[in-house]
Amino acid sequence: MNLVESYSFGRIRISGEEYSRDVVVAPDAILDEQWWRREGHALYVEDISRYVESYRPRVVVVGTGYYGVMKVSREVEAYLREKGVKLIALDTRRAVEEYNKRAGRGERVLGAFHLTC
């Protein structure tokens, strides 16, 4: 199971591996260890839809950065609501805790973590 072992500004450790770029993770897979988005401090449907379509989570936990700078667009909120997927957007420190709690309970959760800002 992929749990986040530690997070600090610009670094995250997941199941023994350290990453220094934004990452998308599920309990049973690292879906993208170099997650690039259209705009660095915003999240759009095109940035997350392929992971939602392929993994089909019940919950998406978005880490919006150490200081919570990354904004989740209203289009993402609407897209996930339409798919019946719960969105939880928190600063990455709190998002990691939420992701681990849900993954540890066996929920079908997707974590999308912005590591800086």
C-alpha atoms as a PDB file:
ATOM      1  CA  MET A   1       0.000   0.000   0.000  1.00  0.00           C
ATOM      2  CA  ASN A   2       1.287   3.457  -0.906  1.00  0.00           C
ATOM      3  CA  LEU A   3       1.235   5.739   2.116  1.00  0.00           C
ATOM      4  CA  VAL A   4       3.023   9.041   2.451  1.00  0.00           C
ATOM      5  CA  GLU A   5       5.790   8.577   4.991  1.00  0.00           C
ATOM      6  CA  SER A   6       6.898  12.199   5.121  1.00  0.00           C
ATOM      7  CA  TYR A   7       6.396  15.560   3.487  1.00  0.00           C
ATOM      8  CA  SER A   8       8.384  18.772   3.675  1.00  0.00           C
ATOM      9  CA  PHE A   9       8.560  21.739   1.336  1.00  0.00           C
ATOM     10  CA  GLY A  10       9.546  20.349  -2.081  1.00  0.00           C
ATOM     11  CA  ARG A  11       9.927  16.714  -0.954  1.00  0.00           C
ATOM     12  CA  ILE A  12       7.626  13.782  -0.327  1.00  0.00           C
ATOM     13  CA  ARG A  13       8.443  10.193   0.619  1.00  0.00           C
ATOM     14  CA  ILE A  14       5.980   7.521  -0.476  1.00  0.00           C
ATOM     15  CA  SER A  15       6.554   3.847   0.326  1.00  0.00           C
ATOM     16  CA  GLY A  16      10.300   4.299   0.682  1.00  0.00           C
ATOM     17  CA  GLU A  17      10.801   6.440  -2.441  1.00  0.00           C
ATOM     18  CA  GLU A  18      11.494  10.162  -2.308  1.00  0.00           C
ATOM     19  CA  TYR A  19      10.066  12.542  -4.907  1.00  0.00           C
ATOM     20  CA  SER A  20      10.963  16.178  -5.499  1.00  0.00           C
ATOM     21  CA  ARG A  21       8.303  16.920  -8.119  1.00  0.00           C
ATOM     22  CA  ASP A  22       4.541  17.049  -7.810  1.00  0.00           C
ATOM     23  CA  VAL A  23       3.083  13.553  -7.738  1.00  0.00           C
ATOM     24  CA  VAL A  24      -0.208  11.693  -8.203  1.00  0.00           C
ATOM     25  CA  VAL A  25      -0.608   8.594  -6.056  1.00  0.00           C
ATOM     26  CA  ALA A  26      -3.182   5.927  -5.257  1.00  0.00           C
ATOM     27  CA  PRO A  27      -2.999   3.259  -2.549  1.00  0.00           C
ATOM     28  CA  ASP A  28      -1.895   0.649  -5.093  1.00  0.00           C
ATOM     29  CA  ALA A  29       0.122   2.729  -7.592  1.00  0.00           C
ATOM     30  CA  ILE A  30       2.176   5.826  -8.205  1.00  0.00           C
ATOM     31  CA  LEU A  31       0.179   7.178 -11.118  1.00  0.00           C
ATOM     32  CA  ASP A  32       2.530  10.007 -12.084  1.00  0.00           C
ATOM     33  CA  GLU A  33       5.785  10.811 -10.345  1.00  0.00           C
ATOM     34  CA  GLN A  34       6.326  13.958 -12.423  1.00  0.00           C
ATOM     35  CA  TRP A  35       2.875  15.474 -12.507  1.00  0.00           C
ATOM     36  CA  TRP A  36       2.832  18.490 -14.808  1.00  0.00           C
ATOM     37  CA  ARG A  37      -0.107  20.838 -14.980  1.00  0.00           C
ATOM     38  CA  ARG A  38      -1.156  23.469 -17.480  1.00  0.00           C
ATOM     39  CA  GLU A  39      -0.386  26.157 -14.911  1.00  0.00           C
ATOM     40  CA  GLY A  40       1.834  25.651 -11.868  1.00  0.00           C
ATOM     41  CA  HIS A  41      -0.432  27.254  -9.295  1.00  0.00           C
ATOM     42  CA  ALA A  42      -3.799  26.103 -10.581  1.00  0.00           C
ATOM     43  CA  LEU A  43      -5.574  22.797 -11.141  1.00  0.00           C
ATOM     44  CA  TYR A  44      -7.741  22.336 -14.233  1.00  0.00           C
ATOM     45  CA  VAL A  45      -9.819  19.398 -15.454  1.00  0.00           C
ATOM     46  CA  GLU A  46      -7.196  18.493 -18.058  1.00  0.00           C
ATOM     47  CA  ASP A  47      -4.618  18.156 -15.256  1.00  0.00           C
ATOM     48  CA  ILE A  48      -6.549  15.525 -13.317  1.00  0.00           C
ATOM     49  CA  SER A  49      -9.113  13.906 -15.647  1.00  0.00           C
ATOM     50  CA  ARG A  50      -6.928  11.114 -17.020  1.00  0.00           C
ATOM     51  CA  TYR A  51      -6.161   9.907 -13.483  1.00  0.00           C
ATOM     52  CA  VAL A  52      -9.822  10.058 -12.500  1.00  0.00           C
ATOM     53  CA  GLU A  53     -10.879   8.239 -15.664  1.00  0.00           C
ATOM     54  CA  SER A  54      -8.282   5.479 -15.347  1.00  0.00           C
ATOM     55  CA  TYR A  55      -8.271   4.967 -11.562  1.00  0.00           C
ATOM     56  CA  ARG A  56     -11.934   5.790 -10.820  1.00  0.00           C
ATOM     57  CA  PRO A  57     -11.492   7.037  -7.243  1.00  0.00           C
ATOM     58  CA  ARG A  58     -14.317   7.743  -4.801  1.00  0.00           C
ATOM     59  CA  VAL A  59     -12.295  10.597  -3.284  1.00  0.00           C
ATOM     60  CA  VAL A  60      -9.626  12.938  -4.692  1.00  0.00           C
ATOM     61  CA  VAL A  61      -7.400  14.627  -2.121  1.00  0.00           C
ATOM     62  CA  VAL A  62      -5.548  17.595  -3.588  1.00  0.00           C
ATOM     63  CA  GLY A  63      -2.512  18.983  -1.805  1.00  0.00           C
ATOM     64  CA  THR A  64      -2.468  22.650  -2.753  1.00  0.00           C
ATOM     65  CA  GLY A  65       1.130  23.258  -1.670  1.00  0.00           C
ATOM     66  CA  TYR A  66       2.979  23.909   1.557  1.00  0.00           C
ATOM     67  CA  TYR A  67       1.297  27.305   1.903  1.00  0.00           C
ATOM     68  CA  GLY A  68      -1.857  26.352  -0.024  1.00  0.00           C
ATOM     69  CA  VAL A  69      -1.107  28.581  -3.030  1.00  0.00           C
ATOM     70  CA  MET A  70      -2.368  26.252  -5.790  1.00  0.00           C
ATOM     71  CA  LYS A  71      -6.025  26.924  -6.611  1.00  0.00           C
ATOM     72  CA  VAL A  72      -8.518  24.266  -7.681  1.00  0.00           C
ATOM     73  CA  SER A  73     -10.683  25.600 -10.507  1.00  0.00           C
ATOM     74  CA  ARG A  74     -14.456  25.575 -10.292  1.00  0.00           C
ATOM     75  CA  GLU A  75     -14.425  23.397 -13.397  1.00  0.00           C
ATOM     76  CA  VAL A  76     -12.547  20.686 -11.475  1.00  0.00           C
ATOM     77  CA  GLU A  77     -15.073  20.921  -8.650  1.00  0.00           C
ATOM     78  CA  ALA A  78     -17.950  20.533 -11.129  1.00  0.00           C
ATOM     79  CA  TYR A  79     -16.227  17.735 -13.059  1.00  0.00           C
ATOM     80  CA  LEU A  80     -15.628  15.667  -9.919  1.00  0.00           C
ATOM     81  CA  ARG A  81     -19.126  16.322  -8.577  1.00  0.00           C
ATOM     82  CA  GLU A  82     -20.559  15.142 -11.931  1.00  0.00           C
ATOM     83  CA  LYS A  83     -18.485  11.946 -11.631  1.00  0.00           C
ATOM     84  CA  GLY A  84     -19.718  11.383  -8.065  1.00  0.00           C
ATOM     85  CA  VAL A  85     -16.197  11.895  -6.693  1.00  0.00           C
ATOM     86  CA  LYS A  86     -15.649  13.752  -3.434  1.00  0.00           C
ATOM     87  CA  LEU A  87     -13.034  16.536  -3.610  1.00  0.00           C
ATOM     88  CA  ILE A  88     -10.927  17.455  -0.607  1.00  0.00           C
ATOM     89  CA  ALA A  89      -8.471  20.321  -1.220  1.00  0.00           C
ATOM     90  CA  LEU A  90      -6.094  21.203   1.626  1.00  0.00           C
ATOM     91  CA  ASP A  91      -2.584  22.516   2.040  1.00  0.00           C
ATOM     92  CA  THR A  92      -0.278  19.609   1.281  1.00  0.00           C
ATOM     93  CA  ARG A  93       0.650  18.974   4.925  1.00  0.00           C
ATOM     94  CA  ARG A  94      -2.997  18.382   5.838  1.00  0.00           C
ATOM     95  CA  ALA A  95      -3.773  16.690   2.498  1.00  0.00           C
ATOM     96  CA  VAL A  96      -1.099  14.062   3.203  1.00  0.00           C
ATOM     97  CA  GLU A  97      -2.745  13.274   6.551  1.00  0.00           C
ATOM     98  CA  GLU A  98      -6.182  13.028   4.931  1.00  0.00           C
ATOM     99  CA  TYR A  99      -4.895  10.828   2.096  1.00  0.00           C
ATOM    100  CA  ASN A 100      -3.128   8.468   4.531  1.00  0.00           C
ATOM    101  CA  LYS A 101      -6.213   8.199   6.737  1.00  0.00           C
ATOM    102  CA  ARG A 102      -8.427   7.278   3.799  1.00  0.00           C
ATOM    103  CA  ALA A 103      -5.895   4.986   2.093  1.00  0.00           C
ATOM    104  CA  GLY A 104      -5.287   3.234   5.421  1.00  0.00           C
ATOM    105  CA  ARG A 105      -9.010   2.513   5.685  1.00  0.00           C
ATOM    106  CA  GLY A 106      -8.976   0.967   2.225  1.00  0.00           C
ATOM    107  CA  GLU A 107     -10.852   3.753   0.463  1.00  0.00           C
ATOM    108  CA  ARG A 108     -10.404   4.189  -3.271  1.00  0.00           C
ATOM    109  CA  VAL A 109      -8.603   7.505  -2.926  1.00  0.00           C
ATOM    110  CA  LEU A 110      -6.406   9.476  -5.294  1.00  0.00           C
ATOM    111  CA  GLY A 111      -3.821  11.904  -3.923  1.00  0.00           C
ATOM    112  CA  ALA A 112      -2.576  14.745  -6.124  1.00  0.00           C
ATOM    113  CA  PHE A 113       0.156  16.610  -4.283  1.00  0.00           C
ATOM    114  CA  HIS A 114       1.741  19.972  -5.168  1.00  0.00           C
ATOM    115  CA  LEU A 115       4.982  20.007  -3.184  1.00  0.00           C
ATOM    116  CA  THR A 116       6.034  23.657  -3.097  1.00  0.00           C
ATOM    117  CA  CYS A 117       4.303  27.031  -2.584  1.00  0.00           C
END
